[in-house]
């Protein structure tokens, strides 16, 4: 049995489960940090931090719901300081592109880990198939508190591969990787591609923050998270992130995965078939 020496916080989430799978495929022991894990881990319960850090040498820092949320930076920096006291030598931080709060958090964590590797990501392509935009795709209307801006969506398989390399290999210490796809597509263009894969029309619609929050809460999102998400989307979807970055190619030595390719792969799983998704 492999010794668990890499801690993956958010280990059951969209990036965390990918990172954990890739680590296991490499023969690297990974400990999943989650509220359902053993030992249990909760960002908001410092009493759970020491047990989950025991014997760990590398840590993937993935804060839920988002590093840009108020208070996230202080929490993650405090956990990073605890990790350093436990002898953790490598830390990789998942961050958000164009998020002022996330950048403050990056600085706070780097003060603890000067060799921190930062993965500053564009909007995740997989939000349309695994997260809060799946329901809207199934309903045929992707309603967002943002205009029809272009975004170079990043594929989470690229993000996870870079995270694993940074956690297990030399050459990534201290790096800041801005991770995007190779080209930006507008939300209307994304909806057209998604509709083609789903076999029915999908459109983008700009709504007010209040309308977005009401819809998200009705879909089951806690109101605090819905409001924070609305604020964050309004901040980053203003055109500031239109230009693609070269972080994926710098880290992996190959081009980033394209959004159209993601849509083809996800569509082949049947995720946008109502009978499959609703089950």
C-alpha atoms as a PDB file:
ATOM      1  CA  UNK A   1       0.000   0.000   0.000  1.00  0.00           C
ATOM      2  CA  UNK A   2       1.311   3.447  -0.905  1.00  0.00           C
ATOM      3  CA  UNK A   3       2.020   5.800   1.958  1.00  0.00           C
ATOM      4  CA  UNK A   4      -0.259   8.823   1.848  1.00  0.00           C
ATOM      5  CA  UNK A   5       2.021  11.840   1.648  1.00  0.00           C
ATOM      6  CA  UNK A   6       0.023  14.194  -0.628  1.00  0.00           C
ATOM      7  CA  UNK A   7      -3.039  15.878   0.859  1.00  0.00           C
ATOM      8  CA  UNK A   8      -5.720  16.923  -1.617  1.00  0.00           C
ATOM      9  CA  UNK A   9      -8.056  19.417   0.034  1.00  0.00           C
ATOM     10  CA  UNK A  10     -11.392  19.605  -1.719  1.00  0.00           C
ATOM     11  CA  UNK A  11     -10.565  16.049  -2.689  1.00  0.00           C
ATOM     12  CA  UNK A  12     -14.114  15.125  -3.654  1.00  0.00           C
ATOM     13  CA  UNK A  13     -14.634  18.243  -5.787  1.00  0.00           C
ATOM     14  CA  UNK A  14     -14.215  18.893  -9.485  1.00  0.00           C
ATOM     15  CA  UNK A  15     -10.452  19.415  -9.447  1.00  0.00           C
ATOM     16  CA  UNK A  16      -9.689  17.423  -6.331  1.00  0.00           C
ATOM     17  CA  UNK A  17     -11.034  14.116  -7.557  1.00  0.00           C
ATOM     18  CA  UNK A  18      -9.067  14.506 -10.794  1.00  0.00           C
ATOM     19  CA  UNK A  19      -5.877  15.279  -8.880  1.00  0.00           C
ATOM     20  CA  UNK A  20      -6.446  12.297  -6.584  1.00  0.00           C
ATOM     21  CA  UNK A  21      -7.053   9.925  -9.505  1.00  0.00           C
ATOM     22  CA  UNK A  22      -3.914  11.048 -11.332  1.00  0.00           C
ATOM     23  CA  UNK A  23      -1.826  10.697  -8.186  1.00  0.00           C
ATOM     24  CA  UNK A  24      -3.083   7.157  -7.675  1.00  0.00           C
ATOM     25  CA  UNK A  25      -2.357   6.323 -11.319  1.00  0.00           C
ATOM     26  CA  UNK A  26       1.240   7.444 -10.711  1.00  0.00           C
ATOM     27  CA  UNK A  27       1.479   5.215  -7.668  1.00  0.00           C
ATOM     28  CA  UNK A  28       1.547   8.218  -5.345  1.00  0.00           C
ATOM     29  CA  UNK A  29      -0.407   7.961  -2.132  1.00  0.00           C
ATOM     30  CA  UNK A  30      -3.052  10.651  -1.770  1.00  0.00           C
ATOM     31  CA  UNK A  31      -5.151  11.563   1.237  1.00  0.00           C
ATOM     32  CA  UNK A  32      -8.539  13.082   0.423  1.00  0.00           C
ATOM     33  CA  UNK A  33      -9.303  16.120   2.535  1.00  0.00           C
ATOM     34  CA  UNK A  34     -13.071  16.469   2.864  1.00  0.00           C
ATOM     35  CA  UNK A  35     -15.791  16.614   5.488  1.00  0.00           C
ATOM     36  CA  UNK A  36     -16.638  12.999   4.665  1.00  0.00           C
ATOM     37  CA  UNK A  37     -12.994  11.873   4.756  1.00  0.00           C
ATOM     38  CA  UNK A  38     -11.150   9.854   7.368  1.00  0.00           C
ATOM     39  CA  UNK A  39      -9.647  11.771   9.029  1.00  0.00           C
ATOM     40  CA  UNK A  40     -12.282  14.417   8.516  1.00  0.00           C
ATOM     41  CA  UNK A  41     -11.236  17.814   7.130  1.00  0.00           C
ATOM     42  CA  UNK A  42     -13.176  21.073   7.262  1.00  0.00           C
ATOM     43  CA  UNK A  43     -11.733  24.446   6.267  1.00  0.00           C
ATOM     44  CA  UNK A  44     -13.825  26.096   8.980  1.00  0.00           C
ATOM     45  CA  UNK A  45     -12.894  23.710  11.800  1.00  0.00           C
ATOM     46  CA  UNK A  46      -9.206  24.094  12.760  1.00  0.00           C
ATOM     47  CA  UNK A  47      -9.531  21.103  15.086  1.00  0.00           C
ATOM     48  CA  UNK A  48      -9.631  18.905  11.949  1.00  0.00           C
ATOM     49  CA  UNK A  49      -6.412  20.296  10.484  1.00  0.00           C
ATOM     50  CA  UNK A  50      -3.691  18.539  12.485  1.00  0.00           C
ATOM     51  CA  UNK A  51      -4.942  14.954  11.980  1.00  0.00           C
ATOM     52  CA  UNK A  52      -5.258  15.362   8.208  1.00  0.00           C
ATOM     53  CA  UNK A  53      -1.760  16.889   7.950  1.00  0.00           C
ATOM     54  CA  UNK A  54      -0.008  14.090   9.834  1.00  0.00           C
ATOM     55  CA  UNK A  55       2.726  12.596   7.636  1.00  0.00           C
ATOM     56  CA  UNK A  56       1.964  14.899   4.673  1.00  0.00           C
ATOM     57  CA  UNK A  57       4.788  16.416   2.593  1.00  0.00           C
ATOM     58  CA  UNK A  58       2.817  18.052  -0.274  1.00  0.00           C
ATOM     59  CA  UNK A  59      -0.578  19.722  -0.237  1.00  0.00           C
ATOM     60  CA  UNK A  60      -3.078  20.808  -2.880  1.00  0.00           C
ATOM     61  CA  UNK A  61      -4.995  23.820  -1.576  1.00  0.00           C
ATOM     62  CA  UNK A  62      -8.502  24.052  -3.028  1.00  0.00           C
ATOM     63  CA  UNK A  63     -10.857  26.267  -1.042  1.00  0.00           C
ATOM     64  CA  UNK A  64     -14.628  25.884  -1.408  1.00  0.00           C
ATOM     65  CA  UNK A  65     -16.660  27.678  -2.648  1.00  0.00           C
ATOM     66  CA  UNK A  66     -13.977  29.985  -4.096  1.00  0.00           C
ATOM     67  CA  UNK A  67     -10.709  31.575  -3.063  1.00  0.00           C
ATOM     68  CA  UNK A  68     -12.159  34.991  -3.935  1.00  0.00           C
ATOM     69  CA  UNK A  69     -14.878  34.767  -1.264  1.00  0.00           C
ATOM     70  CA  UNK A  70     -14.510  37.018   1.823  1.00  0.00           C
ATOM     71  CA  UNK A  71     -12.350  35.447   4.518  1.00  0.00           C
ATOM     72  CA  UNK A  72     -10.951  32.732   2.258  1.00  0.00           C
ATOM     73  CA  UNK A  73      -7.433  34.134   2.161  1.00  0.00           C
ATOM     74  CA  UNK A  74      -7.082  34.301   5.941  1.00  0.00           C
ATOM     75  CA  UNK A  75      -8.401  30.763   6.343  1.00  0.00           C
ATOM     76  CA  UNK A  76      -6.159  29.223   3.686  1.00  0.00           C
ATOM     77  CA  UNK A  77      -3.097  31.128   4.954  1.00  0.00           C
ATOM     78  CA  UNK A  78      -3.744  29.886   8.491  1.00  0.00           C
ATOM     79  CA  UNK A  79      -4.019  26.313   7.207  1.00  0.00           C
ATOM     80  CA  UNK A  80      -0.844  26.763   5.157  1.00  0.00           C
ATOM     81  CA  UNK A  81       1.011  27.917   8.275  1.00  0.00           C
ATOM     82  CA  UNK A  82      -0.199  24.824  10.098  1.00  0.00           C
ATOM     83  CA  UNK A  83       0.936  22.675   7.159  1.00  0.00           C
ATOM     84  CA  UNK A  84       4.394  24.235   7.235  1.00  0.00           C
ATOM     85  CA  UNK A  85       4.709  23.395  10.933  1.00  0.00           C
ATOM     86  CA  UNK A  86       3.900  19.776  10.040  1.00  0.00           C
ATOM     87  CA  UNK A  87       6.808  19.670   7.606  1.00  0.00           C
ATOM     88  CA  UNK A  88       4.930  20.136   4.327  1.00  0.00           C
ATOM     89  CA  UNK A  89       7.475  21.132   1.692  1.00  0.00           C
ATOM     90  CA  UNK A  90       5.372  21.648  -1.458  1.00  0.00           C
ATOM     91  CA  UNK A  91       2.111  23.556  -1.789  1.00  0.00           C
ATOM     92  CA  UNK A  92      -0.050  24.121  -4.867  1.00  0.00           C
ATOM     93  CA  UNK A  93      -2.865  26.678  -4.684  1.00  0.00           C
ATOM     94  CA  UNK A  94      -5.928  26.722  -6.937  1.00  0.00           C
ATOM     95  CA  UNK A  95      -6.817  30.343  -7.655  1.00  0.00           C
ATOM     96  CA  UNK A  96      -9.071  32.377  -9.918  1.00  0.00           C
ATOM     97  CA  UNK A  97      -8.061  34.604 -12.821  1.00  0.00           C
ATOM     98  CA  UNK A  98      -9.041  38.244 -12.489  1.00  0.00           C
ATOM     99  CA  UNK A  99     -10.259  37.868  -8.910  1.00  0.00           C
ATOM    100  CA  UNK A 100      -8.874  40.560  -6.636  1.00  0.00           C
ATOM    101  CA  UNK A 101      -9.790  38.592  -3.511  1.00  0.00           C
ATOM    102  CA  UNK A 102      -8.058  35.487  -4.838  1.00  0.00           C
ATOM    103  CA  UNK A 103      -4.900  37.456  -5.591  1.00  0.00           C
ATOM    104  CA  UNK A 104      -4.852  38.767  -2.022  1.00  0.00           C
ATOM    105  CA  UNK A 105      -5.182  35.177  -0.837  1.00  0.00           C
ATOM    106  CA  UNK A 106      -2.291  34.121  -3.090  1.00  0.00           C
ATOM    107  CA  UNK A 107      -0.058  36.725  -1.443  1.00  0.00           C
ATOM    108  CA  UNK A 108      -1.097  35.608   2.043  1.00  0.00           C
ATOM    109  CA  UNK A 109      -0.302  31.958   1.308  1.00  0.00           C
ATOM    110  CA  UNK A 110       2.971  32.807  -0.454  1.00  0.00           C
ATOM    111  CA  UNK A 111       4.072  34.628   2.694  1.00  0.00           C
ATOM    112  CA  UNK A 112       3.987  31.217   4.369  1.00  0.00           C
ATOM    113  CA  UNK A 113       5.222  29.172   1.378  1.00  0.00           C
ATOM    114  CA  UNK A 114       7.602  31.309  -0.735  1.00  0.00           C
ATOM    115  CA  UNK A 115       7.918  28.401  -3.204  1.00  0.00           C
ATOM    116  CA  UNK A 116       4.128  28.158  -3.608  1.00  0.00           C
ATOM    117  CA  UNK A 117       2.890  27.121  -7.050  1.00  0.00           C
ATOM    118  CA  UNK A 118      -0.215  29.100  -8.035  1.00  0.00           C
ATOM    119  CA  UNK A 119      -2.707  27.807 -10.611  1.00  0.00           C
ATOM    120  CA  UNK A 120      -4.669  30.942 -11.557  1.00  0.00           C
ATOM    121  CA  UNK A 121      -7.545  29.609 -13.622  1.00  0.00           C
ATOM    122  CA  UNK A 122     -10.029  30.953 -16.122  1.00  0.00           C
ATOM    123  CA  UNK A 123     -13.662  29.838 -15.780  1.00  0.00           C
ATOM    124  CA  UNK A 124     -13.843  26.038 -15.755  1.00  0.00           C
ATOM    125  CA  UNK A 125     -15.257  24.443 -18.895  1.00  0.00           C
ATOM    126  CA  UNK A 126     -16.630  21.639 -16.710  1.00  0.00           C
ATOM    127  CA  UNK A 127     -18.981  24.061 -14.960  1.00  0.00           C
ATOM    128  CA  UNK A 128     -21.327  23.279 -17.861  1.00  0.00           C
ATOM    129  CA  UNK A 129     -21.308  19.540 -17.190  1.00  0.00           C
ATOM    130  CA  UNK A 130     -20.419  19.040 -13.525  1.00  0.00           C
ATOM    131  CA  UNK A 131     -21.422  22.160 -11.627  1.00  0.00           C
ATOM    132  CA  UNK A 132     -23.806  25.097 -11.400  1.00  0.00           C
ATOM    133  CA  UNK A 133     -24.274  25.534 -15.161  1.00  0.00           C
ATOM    134  CA  UNK A 134     -25.392  21.951 -15.837  1.00  0.00           C
ATOM    135  CA  UNK A 135     -29.000  22.632 -14.858  1.00  0.00           C
ATOM    136  CA  UNK A 136     -29.218  25.751 -17.036  1.00  0.00           C
ATOM    137  CA  UNK A 137     -27.828  23.832 -20.024  1.00  0.00           C
ATOM    138  CA  UNK A 138     -30.464  21.150 -19.509  1.00  0.00           C
ATOM    139  CA  UNK A 139     -33.143  23.846 -19.266  1.00  0.00           C
ATOM    140  CA  UNK A 140     -31.878  25.503 -22.446  1.00  0.00           C
ATOM    141  CA  UNK A 141     -30.975  28.910 -20.970  1.00  0.00           C
ATOM    142  CA  UNK A 142     -27.629  29.783 -19.424  1.00  0.00           C
ATOM    143  CA  UNK A 143     -28.650  32.835 -17.389  1.00  0.00           C
ATOM    144  CA  UNK A 144     -25.720  34.801 -15.955  1.00  0.00           C
ATOM    145  CA  UNK A 145     -25.264  38.244 -14.379  1.00  0.00           C
ATOM    146  CA  UNK A 146     -22.891  39.154 -17.212  1.00  0.00           C
ATOM    147  CA  UNK A 147     -23.028  40.287 -20.842  1.00  0.00           C
ATOM    148  CA  UNK A 148     -22.088  38.034 -23.739  1.00  0.00           C
ATOM    149  CA  UNK A 149     -18.387  38.324 -22.950  1.00  0.00           C
ATOM    150  CA  UNK A 150     -15.695  36.043 -24.362  1.00  0.00           C
ATOM    151  CA  UNK A 151     -13.912  33.710 -21.944  1.00  0.00           C
ATOM    152  CA  UNK A 152     -10.983  31.320 -22.611  1.00  0.00           C
ATOM    153  CA  UNK A 153     -12.500  28.455 -20.602  1.00  0.00           C
ATOM    154  CA  UNK A 154      -9.904  26.115 -19.081  1.00  0.00           C
ATOM    155  CA  UNK A 155     -10.270  22.331 -19.129  1.00  0.00           C
ATOM    156  CA  UNK A 156      -9.954  20.823 -15.663  1.00  0.00           C
ATOM    157  CA  UNK A 157      -8.037  17.840 -16.988  1.00  0.00           C
ATOM    158  CA  UNK A 158      -5.242  20.290 -17.855  1.00  0.00           C
ATOM    159  CA  UNK A 159      -5.473  21.904 -14.424  1.00  0.00           C
ATOM    160  CA  UNK A 160      -5.267  18.561 -12.632  1.00  0.00           C
ATOM    161  CA  UNK A 161      -2.293  17.384 -14.675  1.00  0.00           C
ATOM    162  CA  UNK A 162      -0.381  20.560 -13.843  1.00  0.00           C
ATOM    163  CA  UNK A 163      -1.307  20.283 -10.167  1.00  0.00           C
ATOM    164  CA  UNK A 164       0.005  16.719  -9.995  1.00  0.00           C
ATOM    165  CA  UNK A 165       3.273  17.636 -11.686  1.00  0.00           C
ATOM    166  CA  UNK A 166       3.769  20.547  -9.309  1.00  0.00           C
ATOM    167  CA  UNK A 167       2.999  18.329  -6.311  1.00  0.00           C
ATOM    168  CA  UNK A 168       5.371  15.535  -7.319  1.00  0.00           C
ATOM    169  CA  UNK A 169       8.085  16.940  -9.618  1.00  0.00           C
ATOM    170  CA  UNK A 170      10.794  19.566  -9.468  1.00  0.00           C
ATOM    171  CA  UNK A 171      10.723  22.639 -11.677  1.00  0.00           C
ATOM    172  CA  UNK A 172       7.436  24.248 -10.599  1.00  0.00           C
ATOM    173  CA  UNK A 173       8.361  25.826  -7.255  1.00  0.00           C
ATOM    174  CA  UNK A 174       7.446  29.495  -7.057  1.00  0.00           C
ATOM    175  CA  UNK A 175       5.656  29.491 -10.407  1.00  0.00           C
ATOM    176  CA  UNK A 176       2.463  31.385 -11.208  1.00  0.00           C
ATOM    177  CA  UNK A 177       0.614  29.656 -14.032  1.00  0.00           C
ATOM    178  CA  UNK A 178      -2.318  31.478 -15.631  1.00  0.00           C
ATOM    179  CA  UNK A 179      -4.381  28.617 -16.988  1.00  0.00           C
ATOM    180  CA  UNK A 180      -6.804  29.145 -19.868  1.00  0.00           C
ATOM    181  CA  UNK A 181      -7.903  27.463 -23.043  1.00  0.00           C
ATOM    182  CA  UNK A 182      -6.184  28.364 -26.326  1.00  0.00           C
ATOM    183  CA  UNK A 183      -8.939  30.751 -27.450  1.00  0.00           C
ATOM    184  CA  UNK A 184     -11.794  32.730 -25.990  1.00  0.00           C
ATOM    185  CA  UNK A 185     -15.410  32.021 -26.919  1.00  0.00           C
ATOM    186  CA  UNK A 186     -18.429  34.115 -26.027  1.00  0.00           C
ATOM    187  CA  UNK A 187     -21.155  32.604 -23.900  1.00  0.00           C
ATOM    188  CA  UNK A 188     -23.436  32.653 -26.937  1.00  0.00           C
ATOM    189  CA  UNK A 189     -20.837  30.699 -28.911  1.00  0.00           C
ATOM    190  CA  UNK A 190     -20.447  28.284 -26.006  1.00  0.00           C
ATOM    191  CA  UNK A 191     -24.223  27.844 -25.832  1.00  0.00           C
ATOM    192  CA  UNK A 192     -24.339  27.058 -29.549  1.00  0.00           C
ATOM    193  CA  UNK A 193     -21.698  24.354 -29.133  1.00  0.00           C
ATOM    194  CA  UNK A 194     -23.449  22.962 -26.073  1.00  0.00           C
ATOM    195  CA  UNK A 195     -26.771  22.913 -27.894  1.00  0.00           C
ATOM    196  CA  UNK A 196     -25.206  20.984 -30.766  1.00  0.00           C
ATOM    197  CA  UNK A 197     -23.916  18.352 -28.354  1.00  0.00           C
ATOM    198  CA  UNK A 198     -27.209  18.230 -26.443  1.00  0.00           C
ATOM    199  CA  UNK A 199     -29.326  18.010 -29.574  1.00  0.00           C
ATOM    200  CA  UNK A 200     -31.550  20.951 -28.662  1.00  0.00           C
ATOM    201  CA  UNK A 201     -31.215  24.748 -28.496  1.00  0.00           C
ATOM    202  CA  UNK A 202     -29.227  26.342 -25.681  1.00  0.00           C
ATOM    203  CA  UNK A 203     -28.916  30.127 -25.362  1.00  0.00           C
ATOM    204  CA  UNK A 204     -27.115  32.619 -23.153  1.00  0.00           C
ATOM    205  CA  UNK A 205     -29.195  35.233 -21.339  1.00  0.00           C
ATOM    206  CA  UNK A 206     -27.956  38.181 -19.302  1.00  0.00           C
ATOM    207  CA  UNK A 207     -29.889  38.616 -16.053  1.00  0.00           C
ATOM    208  CA  UNK A 208     -29.568  40.897 -13.055  1.00  0.00           C
ATOM    209  CA  UNK A 209     -27.596  39.702 -10.026  1.00  0.00           C
ATOM    210  CA  UNK A 210     -30.870  39.465  -8.100  1.00  0.00           C
ATOM    211  CA  UNK A 211     -32.409  37.243 -10.769  1.00  0.00           C
ATOM    212  CA  UNK A 212     -29.326  35.050 -10.826  1.00  0.00           C
ATOM    213  CA  UNK A 213     -29.361  34.648  -7.041  1.00  0.00           C
ATOM    214  CA  UNK A 214     -33.064  33.803  -7.014  1.00  0.00           C
ATOM    215  CA  UNK A 215     -32.567  31.155  -9.692  1.00  0.00           C
ATOM    216  CA  UNK A 216     -29.519  29.674  -7.974  1.00  0.00           C
ATOM    217  CA  UNK A 217     -31.296  29.477  -4.612  1.00  0.00           C
ATOM    218  CA  UNK A 218     -34.319  27.858  -6.258  1.00  0.00           C
ATOM    219  CA  UNK A 219     -31.924  25.275  -7.722  1.00  0.00           C
ATOM    220  CA  UNK A 220     -30.636  24.442  -4.243  1.00  0.00           C
ATOM    221  CA  UNK A 221     -27.579  26.674  -3.792  1.00  0.00           C
ATOM    222  CA  UNK A 222     -27.257  28.276  -0.327  1.00  0.00           C
ATOM    223  CA  UNK A 223     -28.134  31.965  -0.532  1.00  0.00           C
ATOM    224  CA  UNK A 224     -24.732  33.094   0.801  1.00  0.00           C
ATOM    225  CA  UNK A 225     -22.945  31.070  -1.872  1.00  0.00           C
ATOM    226  CA  UNK A 226     -25.360  32.266  -4.569  1.00  0.00           C
ATOM    227  CA  UNK A 227     -24.779  35.929  -3.676  1.00  0.00           C
ATOM    228  CA  UNK A 228     -21.031  35.446  -3.494  1.00  0.00           C
ATOM    229  CA  UNK A 229     -21.088  33.732  -6.867  1.00  0.00           C
ATOM    230  CA  UNK A 230     -23.110  36.545  -8.413  1.00  0.00           C
ATOM    231  CA  UNK A 231     -20.621  39.119  -7.124  1.00  0.00           C
ATOM    232  CA  UNK A 232     -17.688  37.074  -8.393  1.00  0.00           C
ATOM    233  CA  UNK A 233     -19.175  36.481 -11.848  1.00  0.00           C
ATOM    234  CA  UNK A 234     -19.963  40.158 -12.176  1.00  0.00           C
ATOM    235  CA  UNK A 235     -16.347  40.929 -11.349  1.00  0.00           C
ATOM    236  CA  UNK A 236     -14.549  38.518 -13.665  1.00  0.00           C
ATOM    237  CA  UNK A 237     -16.964  38.486 -16.625  1.00  0.00           C
ATOM    238  CA  UNK A 238     -16.384  42.090 -17.631  1.00  0.00           C
ATOM    239  CA  UNK A 239     -13.882  41.460 -20.403  1.00  0.00           C
ATOM    240  CA  UNK A 240     -10.771  41.533 -18.223  1.00  0.00           C
ATOM    241  CA  UNK A 241      -9.984  37.877 -18.928  1.00  0.00           C
ATOM    242  CA  UNK A 242     -10.566  37.717 -22.681  1.00  0.00           C
ATOM    243  CA  UNK A 243      -6.934  37.226 -23.645  1.00  0.00           C
ATOM    244  CA  UNK A 244      -5.737  33.586 -23.413  1.00  0.00           C
ATOM    245  CA  UNK A 245      -2.620  32.902 -21.365  1.00  0.00           C
ATOM    246  CA  UNK A 246       0.219  30.442 -21.923  1.00  0.00           C
ATOM    247  CA  UNK A 247       0.273  28.747 -18.509  1.00  0.00           C
ATOM    248  CA  UNK A 248      -0.820  25.317 -19.728  1.00  0.00           C
ATOM    249  CA  UNK A 249       1.836  25.233 -22.436  1.00  0.00           C
ATOM    250  CA  UNK A 250       4.511  26.487 -20.048  1.00  0.00           C
ATOM    251  CA  UNK A 251       3.689  23.810 -17.488  1.00  0.00           C
ATOM    252  CA  UNK A 252       2.980  20.848 -19.777  1.00  0.00           C
ATOM    253  CA  UNK A 253       4.896  21.609 -22.960  1.00  0.00           C
ATOM    254  CA  UNK A 254       1.788  21.206 -25.120  1.00  0.00           C
ATOM    255  CA  UNK A 255      -1.196  23.344 -26.150  1.00  0.00           C
ATOM    256  CA  UNK A 256      -4.143  23.743 -23.818  1.00  0.00           C
ATOM    257  CA  UNK A 257      -7.313  21.755 -24.504  1.00  0.00           C
ATOM    258  CA  UNK A 258      -9.890  23.618 -26.587  1.00  0.00           C
ATOM    259  CA  UNK A 259     -13.452  24.261 -25.420  1.00  0.00           C
ATOM    260  CA  UNK A 260     -14.942  22.604 -28.508  1.00  0.00           C
ATOM    261  CA  UNK A 261     -12.993  19.443 -27.741  1.00  0.00           C
ATOM    262  CA  UNK A 262     -14.301  19.479 -24.170  1.00  0.00           C
ATOM    263  CA  UNK A 263     -17.870  19.781 -25.469  1.00  0.00           C
ATOM    264  CA  UNK A 264     -17.403  16.794 -27.780  1.00  0.00           C
ATOM    265  CA  UNK A 265     -15.965  14.633 -25.015  1.00  0.00           C
ATOM    266  CA  UNK A 266     -18.551  15.612 -22.432  1.00  0.00           C
ATOM    267  CA  UNK A 267     -21.402  15.266 -24.907  1.00  0.00           C
ATOM    268  CA  UNK A 268     -20.318  11.707 -25.719  1.00  0.00           C
ATOM    269  CA  UNK A 269     -20.972  10.744 -22.077  1.00  0.00           C
ATOM    270  CA  UNK A 270     -24.642  11.732 -22.382  1.00  0.00           C
ATOM    271  CA  UNK A 271     -24.338  14.270 -19.572  1.00  0.00           C
ATOM    272  CA  UNK A 272     -26.654  16.702 -21.380  1.00  0.00           C
ATOM    273  CA  UNK A 273     -29.295  14.073 -22.026  1.00  0.00           C
ATOM    274  CA  UNK A 274     -32.067  14.956 -19.559  1.00  0.00           C
ATOM    275  CA  UNK A 275     -32.687  11.329 -18.610  1.00  0.00           C
ATOM    276  CA  UNK A 276     -29.005  10.808 -17.777  1.00  0.00           C
ATOM    277  CA  UNK A 277     -28.359  14.134 -16.045  1.00  0.00           C
ATOM    278  CA  UNK A 278     -31.494  14.216 -13.906  1.00  0.00           C
ATOM    279  CA  UNK A 279     -30.756  10.716 -12.603  1.00  0.00           C
END
